[in-house]
Amino acid sequence: MASTTGTAAAPLAGAVADAPRDAAPAFSPLYRQIKDLLTRSLQDGEWRPGEVIPSEVELAARFKVSQGTVRKAVDALADENLLVRRQGKGTFVATHAEQRVQFRFLRLAADDGQEGGVTRRFIDCRRLRAPAEIARALTLKAGDATVQIRRVLSFRGRPVVLDDIWLPGHAFKGLTAERLAEYKGPMYGLFEQEFGVRMIRAEEKLRAVAADAEAAALLEVAVGAPLLSVERLSFTYDDRPVELRRGLYDTSAHHYRNQLN
C-alpha cells in the first residue's frame, strides 16, 4: 500500500486575504479542494499508475476532513477515470494498460458489433522541429523538438485508421519506432509507464474528407473514397496539451460511436 507520509496538506480554506481587494471571494466546496489535492499528488507521482492509494480513513486523517468528504472527492476522480475502485481491494490509480480503458479514446466500432482483433503497424517515428501550427496546438515554441509518429490500425486484418501523431520532444526523449513496435500494450500505456505522461482527457474535431493517393494506398481504398477525419488534442494534468493526433478513418464497415450525457 502506498505510504501516507509526506508534507502536511495546505490549508483548505480559500486564501481570500491574499487576493486583490477588488476581486470577488472564490469559494470551492471542501470535497473539490480535497479532489484538487489528490490530483496534485497524482500529478507529482506520489502514486503511480496501477498503484493503490491510501484508504479513505487514512486520507481523511491526512487532510483533517471527514471520511465522507474524501469519499466524494475519490468518487469524482473515479468518474473522470483517474482512479479505479476495486471491490475488496481498494482504490487504484487508473492506467491505460487496463483492458477496460486502454481504448477509451478510440470510438470506432464495427458495424457487425464484434470487438477485438486490433493490430497496429508503425510506419515512421522521427524527431523534427515543430511546424508552426503543431507548436501552437502543443503550446511549444516554433522550432522546438517534436516526435512525429505515423501508424496504421487494422481491425481483423483490414486497415481502418491512418494516424499521424505529434508529441512534445522534451517529454518523449528516447521514443523510437522500435520501442513502439515491441511494446505489446496500448501506446498510452507505454507513454505513462516509461515517460510519465498520462492522457487525462481529449478534445476532437471531426469532418468528412476524400482519400488522397497516399492515404488510399495505406488504407487500401480508392483515391477519393470518403474518410472520416478526426483531429484529437489530448491533455495531461493541469490541462497541458501533450499529443496532437490526426486520424483518417475508413468507415465503410465501421462507425464512430460516442455517448452523450
Foldseek 3Di string as FASTA:
>chain_A
DQDLDDDADDDQDDPVVPDPPPDDDDDDPSLVSLLVVVQVCALVPSAAAPGADDALVSSCVRNVHDSVSPVVSVVVCVVLQQWDQDPPPHIGGHALQDPVRVCVVPQKAFPVRDDDQKDKDWDFKDKFFDDPVRCVLQVHDGGAIKIWTWMFIAHNPATFKTKIKIFGCVQDPPDGSVVVVPDPGRPQNCSCPPRVFHFRDKDKDKDKDFADPVRCVVRVHDGGDIWIWIWMFTAGPPRRTGMTMIMTGDPPRIDGDDDDD
